[in-house]
Protein backbone atom coordinates (compact mmCIF):
# COMPACT_ATOMS: atom_id res chain seq x y z
CA MET A 1 0.17 -0.10 0.01
CA ARG A 2 1.23 3.39 -0.79
CA ARG A 3 -1.11 5.69 1.01
CA ASN A 4 -4.75 5.71 2.34
CA PHE A 5 -6.79 6.59 -1.02
CA GLN A 6 -9.90 8.08 -0.53
CA TYR A 7 -11.77 6.63 -3.99
CA ASP A 8 -15.14 5.12 -4.26
CA VAL A 9 -13.80 2.42 -6.87
CA GLU A 10 -17.36 0.58 -6.96
CA GLY A 11 -18.91 3.62 -7.64
CA LEU A 12 -16.28 5.12 -10.60
CA MET A 13 -16.46 1.32 -11.75
CA ALA A 14 -19.96 1.91 -12.34
CA LYS A 15 -19.69 5.28 -13.71
CA ASP A 16 -16.93 3.47 -16.20
CA LYS A 17 -19.32 0.97 -17.11
CA ALA A 18 -22.57 2.77 -17.88
CA HIS A 19 -20.90 4.77 -19.80
CA ALA A 20 -17.56 4.77 -20.86
CA MET A 21 -16.20 3.19 -24.49
CA HIS A 22 -12.55 2.10 -24.10
CA PRO A 23 -10.39 1.38 -27.04
CA TRP A 24 -11.49 -2.04 -28.88
CA HIS A 25 -14.69 -1.34 -26.50
CA GLU A 26 -15.90 -4.93 -25.39
CA PHE A 27 -19.51 -4.72 -25.41
CA GLY A 28 -20.95 -6.50 -22.21
CA ARG A 29 -17.37 -6.18 -20.53
CA GLU A 30 -18.07 -6.09 -16.80
CA GLU A 31 -15.85 -3.53 -15.57
CA HIS A 32 -12.08 -1.68 -15.96
CA MET A 33 -9.25 -1.32 -13.08
CA ILE A 34 -9.15 2.29 -12.15
CA LEU A 35 -5.66 3.31 -11.87
CA ALA A 36 -5.63 6.45 -9.76
CA ASP A 37 -1.90 7.14 -9.29
CA SER A 38 1.83 6.71 -10.60
CA GLU A 39 5.33 6.90 -10.05
CA GLY A 40 8.82 6.12 -11.91
CA ILE A 41 7.47 2.50 -13.28
CA TYR A 42 4.97 1.87 -10.93
CA VAL A 43 1.16 2.64 -11.15
CA TYR A 44 -1.21 2.06 -8.12
CA ASP A 45 -5.06 1.16 -8.23
CA GLY A 46 -8.05 3.03 -6.63
CA GLU A 47 -7.20 1.22 -3.17
CA GLY A 48 -3.17 2.07 -3.60
CA ASN A 49 -2.21 -1.58 -4.72
CA ARG A 50 0.93 -1.10 -6.65
CA TYR A 51 1.89 -2.94 -9.65
CA ILE A 52 4.69 -2.68 -12.34
CA ASP A 53 3.58 -1.31 -15.54
CA GLY A 54 5.11 -3.92 -17.63
CA ILE A 55 3.52 -2.25 -21.17
CA GLY A 56 4.52 1.70 -20.13
CA GLY A 57 1.41 2.47 -20.84
CA MET A 58 1.23 1.84 -24.14
CA TRP A 59 4.39 1.50 -25.47
CA ALA A 60 4.71 4.94 -24.53
CA VAL A 61 5.63 5.96 -20.82
CA GLN A 62 9.61 6.03 -21.48
CA LEU A 63 10.66 8.52 -19.06
CA GLY A 64 8.42 7.13 -15.98
CA TYR A 65 5.71 8.82 -14.58
CA GLY A 66 5.79 11.71 -12.43
CA ASN A 67 8.33 13.58 -13.49
CA GLU A 68 8.59 16.87 -12.70
CA GLU A 69 10.58 18.69 -15.38
CA MET A 70 8.21 17.53 -17.88
CA ALA A 71 5.42 18.29 -15.83
CA THR A 72 6.75 21.91 -15.54
CA ALA A 73 7.87 22.26 -18.77
CA ILE A 74 4.25 21.49 -19.81
CA SER A 75 2.70 23.48 -17.12
CA ASP A 76 4.58 26.71 -18.50
CA GLN A 77 3.89 26.27 -21.82
CA VAL A 78 -0.18 26.69 -21.04
CA ARG A 79 0.69 29.50 -18.51
CA SER A 80 2.33 31.40 -21.53
CA MET A 81 0.30 29.76 -24.75
CA VAL A 82 -2.02 26.81 -24.27
CA TYR A 83 -2.53 26.98 -27.95
CA TYR A 84 -3.06 28.96 -31.17
CA SER A 85 -4.25 28.23 -34.64
CA PRO A 86 -1.38 25.81 -36.27
CA TRP A 87 -2.42 27.06 -40.01
CA SER A 88 -0.24 30.17 -40.72
CA MET A 89 1.00 30.86 -37.55
CA ALA A 90 3.92 29.08 -35.18
CA THR A 91 5.27 29.11 -31.88
CA PRO A 92 8.39 28.91 -30.28
CA PRO A 93 8.41 25.49 -29.32
CA HIS A 94 7.16 24.57 -32.48
CA ALA A 95 9.99 25.94 -34.43
CA GLU A 96 12.48 24.74 -31.98
CA LEU A 97 11.82 21.45 -31.73
CA SER A 98 11.73 20.95 -36.14
CA ALA A 99 15.11 22.26 -35.60
CA LYS A 100 16.00 19.88 -32.97
CA LEU A 101 14.62 16.73 -34.95
CA ALA A 102 16.32 17.61 -37.91
CA THR A 103 19.66 16.66 -35.90
CA LEU A 104 18.42 13.56 -34.95
CA THR A 105 16.65 12.22 -37.79
CA PRO A 106 18.57 9.67 -40.56
CA GLY A 107 19.40 11.27 -43.73
CA ASP A 108 17.38 14.09 -45.20
CA LEU A 109 14.52 13.51 -43.20
CA ASN A 110 14.53 17.06 -41.90
CA ARG A 111 10.53 18.31 -42.88
CA PHE A 112 8.02 17.42 -40.25
CA PHE A 113 4.26 17.29 -39.98
CA TYR A 114 2.77 16.88 -36.51
CA SER A 115 -0.32 15.13 -35.77
CA THR A 116 -1.85 14.02 -32.57
CA GLY A 117 -0.74 9.93 -32.64
CA GLY A 118 0.83 7.36 -34.16
CA SER A 119 -2.47 6.62 -36.44
CA THR A 120 -3.15 10.45 -37.87
CA ALA A 121 1.12 10.10 -37.98
CA ASN A 122 0.32 6.99 -40.29
CA ASP A 123 -1.89 8.79 -41.81
CA ALA A 124 -0.34 11.53 -42.93
CA ALA A 125 2.43 9.72 -44.31
CA VAL A 126 0.28 7.43 -46.78
CA ARG A 127 -1.83 10.47 -48.01
CA PHE A 128 1.63 12.53 -48.67
CA ALA A 129 3.00 9.53 -50.93
CA HIS A 130 -0.11 9.67 -52.50
CA TYR A 131 0.20 13.27 -52.59
CA TYR A 132 3.54 12.94 -54.00
CA TRP A 133 3.26 10.80 -56.37
CA ASN A 134 0.25 12.71 -57.96
CA VAL A 135 2.55 16.41 -58.17
CA VAL A 136 5.25 14.72 -59.34
CA GLY A 137 3.25 13.12 -62.40
CA GLU A 138 2.78 8.92 -61.83
CA PRO A 139 -0.81 9.33 -60.32
CA SER A 140 -0.96 5.64 -60.90
CA ARG A 141 0.93 4.78 -57.90
CA LYS A 142 -1.90 3.78 -55.65
CA THR A 143 -1.26 0.85 -53.59
CA ILE A 144 0.36 0.16 -50.47
CA LEU A 145 2.12 -2.63 -49.66
CA THR A 146 2.07 -3.84 -45.84
CA ARG A 147 2.30 -6.86 -43.95
CA ASP A 148 0.25 -9.53 -42.15
CA ASP A 149 0.83 -9.23 -38.57
CA ALA A 150 1.50 -5.38 -39.03
CA TYR A 151 -0.22 -2.59 -37.01
CA HIS A 152 -0.38 1.04 -37.95
CA GLY A 153 -3.22 2.49 -36.14
CA SER A 154 -7.05 2.78 -35.38
CA THR A 155 -8.07 5.42 -37.85
CA TYR A 156 -10.13 4.43 -41.07
CA LEU A 157 -7.02 4.32 -43.06
CA ALA A 158 -4.49 3.20 -41.12
CA ASP A 159 -6.86 0.57 -39.52
CA SER A 160 -6.67 -0.69 -43.12
CA LEU A 161 -2.77 -1.04 -43.10
CA CYS A 162 -3.09 -3.61 -40.56
CA GLY A 163 -2.34 -7.13 -40.73
CA LYS A 164 -2.66 -8.30 -37.14
CA PRO A 165 -5.39 -10.79 -36.09
CA GLY A 166 -8.24 -9.84 -33.67
CA ASN A 167 -10.62 -6.84 -35.16
CA ASP A 168 -13.82 -7.63 -35.33
CA THR A 169 -14.42 -8.63 -38.90
CA ARG A 170 -17.93 -6.66 -39.08
CA MET A 171 -15.77 -3.46 -39.47
CA GLU A 172 -15.15 -1.95 -42.47
CA ARG A 173 -11.91 -1.35 -44.04
CA VAL A 174 -10.19 0.21 -47.27
CA THR A 175 -9.52 -2.91 -49.56
CA GLU A 176 -9.07 -1.27 -53.41
CA TRP A 177 -5.76 -0.52 -53.07
CA ILE A 178 -4.04 -1.83 -49.80
CA GLU A 179 -1.82 -5.32 -50.49
CA HIS A 180 -0.81 -7.28 -47.63
CA LEU A 181 2.40 -9.38 -47.86
CA SER A 182 2.81 -12.61 -45.53
CA SER A 183 3.81 -11.85 -41.70
CA PRO A 184 8.21 -11.74 -41.07
CA ASN A 185 7.69 -14.09 -37.82
CA PRO A 186 10.68 -16.14 -37.73
CA TYR A 187 8.77 -18.34 -34.97
CA ARG A 188 6.07 -19.02 -38.02
CA LYS A 189 8.50 -19.46 -40.93
CA PRO A 190 7.34 -22.32 -43.15
CA GLU A 191 9.26 -25.86 -41.97
CA GLY A 192 12.35 -26.70 -42.71
CA MET A 193 13.72 -23.00 -43.30
CA ASP A 194 16.18 -21.39 -41.86
CA ASP A 195 16.27 -17.84 -41.13
CA ALA A 196 18.09 -17.21 -44.36
CA ALA A 197 15.97 -19.07 -46.47
CA PHE A 198 13.15 -17.10 -44.55
CA LEU A 199 14.57 -14.02 -45.64
CA ASP A 200 15.02 -14.54 -49.05
CA HIS A 201 11.25 -16.03 -49.68
CA LEU A 202 10.03 -13.03 -48.03
CA ILE A 203 12.01 -10.60 -50.63
CA THR A 204 10.88 -13.32 -53.45
CA GLU A 205 7.27 -12.73 -52.25
CA MET A 206 7.37 -9.09 -52.14
CA ASP A 207 9.53 -8.55 -55.54
CA ASP A 208 6.67 -10.86 -57.44
CA ARG A 209 3.97 -9.00 -55.68
CA ILE A 210 5.25 -5.75 -56.77
CA LYS A 211 5.53 -7.45 -60.64
CA SER A 212 2.08 -8.55 -60.46
CA ILE A 213 0.10 -5.25 -59.56
CA GLY A 214 2.48 -3.43 -61.90
CA PRO A 215 5.67 -1.14 -60.40
CA GLU A 216 3.94 2.07 -61.93
CA ASN A 217 1.03 1.28 -59.77
CA VAL A 218 2.75 0.94 -56.13
CA ALA A 219 3.36 3.77 -54.23
CA ALA A 220 4.76 2.75 -50.66
CA PHE A 221 5.67 0.25 -48.58
CA ILE A 222 5.10 0.85 -45.02
CA ALA A 223 7.03 -1.56 -42.37
CA GLU A 224 7.63 -1.31 -39.02
CA PRO A 225 11.47 -2.32 -37.82
CA VAL A 226 9.60 -4.63 -35.26
CA LEU A 227 6.15 -5.52 -35.69
CA ALA A 228 5.18 -4.31 -32.10
CA SER A 229 1.37 -4.73 -31.78
CA GLY A 230 1.18 -8.17 -33.86
CA GLY A 231 3.46 -9.55 -30.78
CA VAL A 232 7.27 -8.46 -31.45
CA ILE A 233 7.89 -9.56 -34.44
CA VAL A 234 11.55 -9.41 -35.14
CA PRO A 235 12.10 -10.38 -38.31
CA PRO A 236 15.08 -12.49 -39.51
CA LYS A 237 18.63 -10.36 -40.00
CA GLY A 238 19.01 -8.25 -43.39
CA TYR A 239 15.20 -7.98 -43.58
CA GLN A 240 14.26 -4.31 -43.06
CA LYS A 241 17.70 -3.42 -45.57
CA ALA A 242 16.33 -6.18 -48.25
CA CYS A 243 12.84 -4.30 -48.45
CA LEU A 244 14.48 -1.11 -48.74
CA GLU A 245 16.71 -2.53 -51.63
CA THR A 246 13.45 -3.63 -53.55
CA CYS A 247 11.46 -0.68 -53.07
CA ARG A 248 14.65 1.51 -54.42
CA LYS A 249 14.40 -1.13 -57.31
CA TYR A 250 11.21 -0.27 -58.56
CA GLY A 251 11.20 3.32 -57.03
CA ILE A 252 8.62 2.71 -54.65
CA LEU A 253 8.31 4.86 -51.45
CA TYR A 254 9.52 3.00 -48.03
CA ILE A 255 7.76 4.26 -44.71
CA SER A 256 9.21 3.46 -41.58
CA ASP A 257 6.68 3.34 -38.80
CA GLU A 258 8.47 3.99 -35.55
CA VAL A 259 5.43 4.61 -33.81
CA VAL A 260 6.85 2.10 -31.03
CA THR A 261 10.58 1.73 -32.26
CA GLY A 262 11.22 5.74 -32.01
CA PHE A 263 12.20 7.41 -28.89
CA GLY A 264 14.29 4.84 -26.79
CA ARG A 265 12.51 1.79 -26.95
CA MET A 266 15.48 0.27 -29.01
CA GLY A 267 18.05 2.77 -27.22
CA HIS A 268 17.71 5.27 -30.20
CA PHE A 269 15.79 8.10 -31.45
CA PHE A 270 15.28 6.16 -34.61
CA SER A 271 16.34 2.81 -34.85
CA SER A 272 15.84 2.52 -38.56
CA GLU A 273 19.67 3.95 -39.51
CA PRO A 274 21.55 3.03 -36.16
CA VAL A 275 19.95 -0.65 -36.02
CA PHE A 276 18.67 -1.67 -39.22
CA ASP A 277 21.00 0.15 -41.43
CA ILE A 278 18.19 1.89 -43.74
CA VAL A 279 17.50 5.73 -44.46
CA PRO A 280 13.62 5.78 -44.85
CA ASP A 281 12.10 8.38 -47.36
CA ILE A 282 9.17 8.74 -44.23
CA ILE A 283 9.23 8.27 -40.48
CA THR A 284 6.43 7.96 -38.32
CA ALA A 285 6.69 8.43 -34.51
CA ALA A 286 4.35 8.70 -31.50
CA LYS A 287 4.09 7.49 -28.05
CA GLY A 288 7.77 7.94 -26.66
CA PHE A 289 7.63 11.53 -28.77
CA THR A 290 6.81 12.72 -25.66
CA SER A 291 6.68 9.93 -23.02
CA GLY A 292 3.07 9.75 -22.64
CA TYR A 293 2.65 13.23 -21.14
CA ILE A 294 0.81 14.82 -24.04
CA PRO A 295 -0.65 13.14 -27.36
CA ALA A 296 1.41 14.07 -30.31
CA GLY A 297 2.23 12.53 -33.87
CA LEU A 298 5.34 13.01 -36.07
CA THR A 299 5.63 12.17 -39.78
CA ALA A 300 9.41 12.94 -41.17
CA ILE A 301 9.79 13.77 -44.51
CA SER A 302 12.52 13.56 -46.74
CA GLU A 303 14.09 16.78 -48.30
CA ARG A 304 13.98 15.31 -51.38
CA MET A 305 10.69 14.86 -51.58
CA HIS A 306 9.72 18.16 -50.36
CA GLN A 307 12.04 19.72 -52.99
CA ASP A 308 10.17 17.53 -55.94
CA ILE A 309 6.73 19.15 -54.57
CA ILE A 310 8.10 22.60 -55.16
CA GLU A 311 9.68 22.17 -58.23
CA LYS A 312 7.19 19.85 -60.20
CA GLY A 313 3.71 21.37 -58.20
CA GLY A 314 3.06 24.28 -60.49
CA ASP A 315 1.90 27.54 -58.48
CA SER A 316 1.28 27.31 -54.69
CA PRO A 317 1.07 23.07 -54.45
CA THR A 318 -0.45 22.66 -50.86
CA PHE A 319 -0.63 19.24 -48.67
CA SER A 320 -3.98 19.91 -48.03
CA MET A 321 -4.30 18.08 -44.41
CA GLY A 322 -3.94 19.35 -41.42
CA PHE A 323 -5.31 18.75 -37.48
CA THR A 324 -6.72 21.51 -34.72
CA TYR A 325 -3.96 20.12 -33.05
CA SER A 326 -1.22 19.83 -35.30
CA GLY A 327 2.02 21.10 -33.40
CA HIS A 328 -0.23 22.23 -30.18
CA PRO A 329 2.46 24.47 -28.07
CA VAL A 330 2.11 22.12 -25.25
CA ALA A 331 2.96 19.18 -27.13
CA MET A 332 5.71 20.58 -29.02
CA ALA A 333 7.02 21.84 -25.23
CA ALA A 334 6.49 18.49 -24.07
CA ALA A 335 8.43 16.51 -26.70
CA LEU A 336 11.00 19.38 -26.32
CA LYS A 337 12.10 18.45 -22.80
CA ASN A 338 11.87 14.89 -23.46
CA ILE A 339 14.59 14.76 -26.25
CA GLU A 340 16.67 17.25 -23.47
CA ILE A 341 16.05 15.21 -20.86
CA MET A 342 17.21 11.97 -22.95
CA GLU A 343 19.91 13.49 -24.06
CA ARG A 344 21.24 14.98 -21.05
CA ASP A 345 20.66 12.19 -18.81
CA ASP A 346 21.98 9.39 -21.51
CA ILE A 347 18.37 7.60 -21.23
CA MET A 348 19.68 6.13 -24.53
CA GLY A 349 22.67 4.87 -23.45
CA HIS A 350 20.70 3.23 -20.12
CA ALA A 351 18.12 1.97 -22.57
CA ARG A 352 20.56 -0.12 -24.51
CA SER A 353 22.45 -1.30 -21.90
CA THR A 354 19.17 -2.28 -19.75
CA GLY A 355 17.49 -4.27 -23.16
CA ASP A 356 20.29 -6.56 -23.37
CA TYR A 357 19.96 -7.40 -19.73
CA PHE A 358 15.96 -7.11 -20.03
CA GLN A 359 16.46 -9.67 -23.15
CA GLU A 360 18.63 -11.82 -21.27
CA ARG A 361 16.50 -12.34 -18.10
CA LEU A 362 13.46 -12.64 -20.26
CA ARG A 363 14.85 -15.67 -22.36
CA SER A 364 15.58 -17.14 -19.00
CA LEU A 365 12.04 -18.21 -19.17
CA ALA A 366 12.28 -20.29 -22.21
CA ASP A 367 11.87 -23.82 -20.71
CA LEU A 368 8.67 -22.88 -18.41
CA PRO A 369 5.69 -25.20 -19.20
CA MET A 370 3.66 -23.76 -22.28
CA VAL A 371 6.61 -21.11 -23.43
CA GLY A 372 7.03 -21.89 -26.99
CA ASP A 373 8.97 -18.28 -28.39
CA VAL A 374 10.70 -15.96 -26.49
CA ARG A 375 11.40 -12.59 -28.60
CA GLY A 376 12.44 -8.95 -28.29
CA VAL A 377 14.93 -6.52 -28.96
CA GLY A 378 15.81 -3.57 -26.86
CA LEU A 379 13.37 -2.93 -24.34
CA MET A 380 10.20 -4.86 -25.89
CA GLY A 381 9.76 -8.63 -25.38
CA CYS A 382 6.90 -10.79 -26.12
CA ILE A 383 6.45 -14.54 -24.62
CA GLU A 384 4.39 -17.16 -26.59
CA CYS A 385 2.69 -19.66 -25.25
CA VAL A 386 1.53 -22.64 -27.06
CA GLU A 387 -0.30 -26.03 -26.52
CA ASN A 388 2.92 -28.21 -27.91
CA LYS A 389 6.41 -26.86 -28.36
CA SER A 390 7.65 -29.56 -30.91
CA THR A 391 4.75 -28.59 -32.97
CA ARG A 392 4.35 -25.04 -31.89
CA LYS A 393 0.63 -25.23 -31.70
CA ALA A 394 -0.92 -22.18 -30.66
CA PHE A 395 -3.83 -22.36 -28.01
CA ASP A 396 -7.21 -22.08 -28.97
CA GLU A 397 -8.04 -18.46 -28.66
CA SER A 398 -11.02 -19.16 -26.68
CA LEU A 399 -8.90 -20.40 -23.11
CA ASN A 400 -7.39 -16.99 -22.81
CA VAL A 401 -3.87 -18.16 -21.82
CA GLY A 402 -2.92 -14.86 -22.06
CA LYS A 403 -5.38 -13.23 -19.87
CA LYS A 404 -5.08 -15.50 -17.61
CA ILE A 405 -1.09 -15.02 -17.04
CA ASP A 406 -1.89 -11.29 -16.82
CA GLU A 407 -4.42 -11.80 -14.11
CA LYS A 408 -1.59 -13.82 -11.92
CA CYS A 409 0.82 -11.27 -12.89
CA GLN A 410 -1.68 -9.00 -11.54
CA GLN A 411 -1.78 -10.52 -8.20
CA TYR A 412 1.25 -10.71 -7.46
CA GLY A 413 2.31 -6.71 -8.42
CA LEU A 414 2.63 -6.37 -12.24
CA ILE A 415 0.60 -5.07 -15.45
CA LEU A 416 1.76 -7.01 -18.86
CA ARG A 417 -0.41 -6.88 -22.39
CA PRO A 418 -2.31 -10.50 -23.09
CA MET A 419 -2.60 -10.99 -26.51
CA TRP A 420 -4.59 -14.32 -26.88
CA HIS A 421 -1.81 -16.86 -26.12
CA LEU A 422 0.73 -13.92 -26.34
CA CYS A 423 2.35 -11.82 -23.38
CA VAL A 424 3.65 -8.72 -24.21
CA PHE A 425 5.89 -6.39 -22.23
CA SER A 426 7.23 -2.32 -22.96
CA PRO A 427 8.27 -1.21 -19.72
CA PRO A 428 9.34 2.32 -19.17
CA ILE A 429 12.89 2.71 -20.78
CA ILE A 430 14.11 4.09 -17.10
CA ILE A 431 13.89 0.28 -15.49
CA THR A 432 16.66 -0.92 -13.59
CA ARG A 433 18.06 -4.03 -13.97
CA SER A 434 16.75 -5.34 -10.37
CA GLN A 435 13.01 -3.83 -11.33
CA VAL A 436 13.72 -6.49 -14.61
CA ASP A 437 14.30 -8.92 -11.97
CA ASP A 438 11.24 -8.13 -10.28
CA MET A 439 9.30 -8.15 -13.26
CA VAL A 440 10.74 -11.99 -14.93
CA ALA A 441 10.47 -13.48 -11.21
CA ILE A 442 6.44 -12.48 -11.06
CA MET A 443 6.45 -13.54 -14.84
CA GLU A 444 7.75 -17.01 -13.81
CA ARG A 445 5.55 -17.63 -11.08
CA ALA A 446 2.58 -16.69 -12.85
CA ILE A 447 3.48 -18.73 -16.02
CA LYS A 448 3.74 -21.55 -13.76
CA GLU A 449 0.59 -21.16 -11.55
CA VAL A 450 -1.36 -21.10 -14.99
CA ALA A 451 0.13 -24.35 -16.33
CA ASP A 452 -0.34 -26.09 -13.52
CA ASP A 453 -4.41 -24.24 -13.34
CA MET A 454 -4.94 -25.98 -16.60
CA VAL A 455 -3.82 -28.90 -16.05
CA ARG A 456 -6.01 -29.43 -12.76
CA ASP A 457 -8.95 -28.23 -14.98
CA GLY A 458 -8.17 -30.28 -18.14
CA SER A 459 -7.85 -27.47 -20.46
CA TRP A 460 -3.96 -28.56 -21.30
CA SER A 461 -2.76 -31.74 -20.98
CA GLY A 462 0.85 -30.43 -19.92
CA ARG A 463 2.71 -32.56 -22.63
CA ASP A 464 4.85 -30.38 -24.60
């Protein structure tokens, strides 16, 4: 117990249930936990019980909760100017942040369009790609290539780019110019393939699909360097660069979705170049961009594309897209302070070092009952539970194995992200090694207890 909280938890839950629709709203769901306070890597429920936030809010809270410098920067900006129209005016933090970002992005990606989150950042990226090709005289380029197991957001367009399972099939999507390629998940690669052969398989498929569509009809390929919400899928080594080279071969734009992998999750502000040796045409970011303190999204665009539009767009070409809160001065101030703290305190170095330790400790769970795969990179990881380790057969979704493990973890003070038979982790990047040990100890206990429970109730044979 942290302190004697005075919340009417049952009353709050009743109000929430009666009126709120949460993301991925489950009709008829009984209740949601009430979180009322936080500090560092911990959150507290309405009764004062403490939990390690094993998912960083939602891949976002890089600096942890309650950072006083972030709170001060935000409140100072609110006092000086909370908001002004972004259409024809700029504010000091907007200008300063844009100049700062130009020193952090790879290559010539030094033009920045701001939005309100990852979904809108990816919306902007795709709309800019289409606009670009229209302006430079190749209007047939409409098709967007994406991947199964990918996640790019939940607006109408961004959701249509997703290949992650689990969405209700009664939700409508754009289908006519979006093409899904197969998942780059090494754990689910065809039988008998090593990673090198699997990479060749993925790139051959991509090349063949481009040829079948016609290169002149393909606008862009959008890809997460690591497929985060699809289950922290780490593609085979060299995948990102091979995909970029295929795009270059056919003049296709490469959009790197760094909404999760940017701003420290992998120990760099942007992982595309230092980790994967690629310089995309467009990069998107959000989440860790402000460490979750204020909603903001970022679409970084190459100077080459920007100049092409100026030179070939005729009189006053206009990218006719924007949001009321594009470049919101409070969000810009939060992002500036976030970057300042990360640079000053070498948060990136800490994230790289602790990320290596995090991966090592997660791998120690590989021999537990029902654990089929342990994967990740940096401070993001996933444990995939399977009915049979030899065949890699997944548990039936109706068994809710991930949810059962999450419920056990919560009993012992850890919140993770359950997805079907997967357990996903993305803690604040300020986490220490001893806190990593605490996370892993709770996880080990929870998996063992769920495995024992399922054997006892007959829902799993326990034979791997």
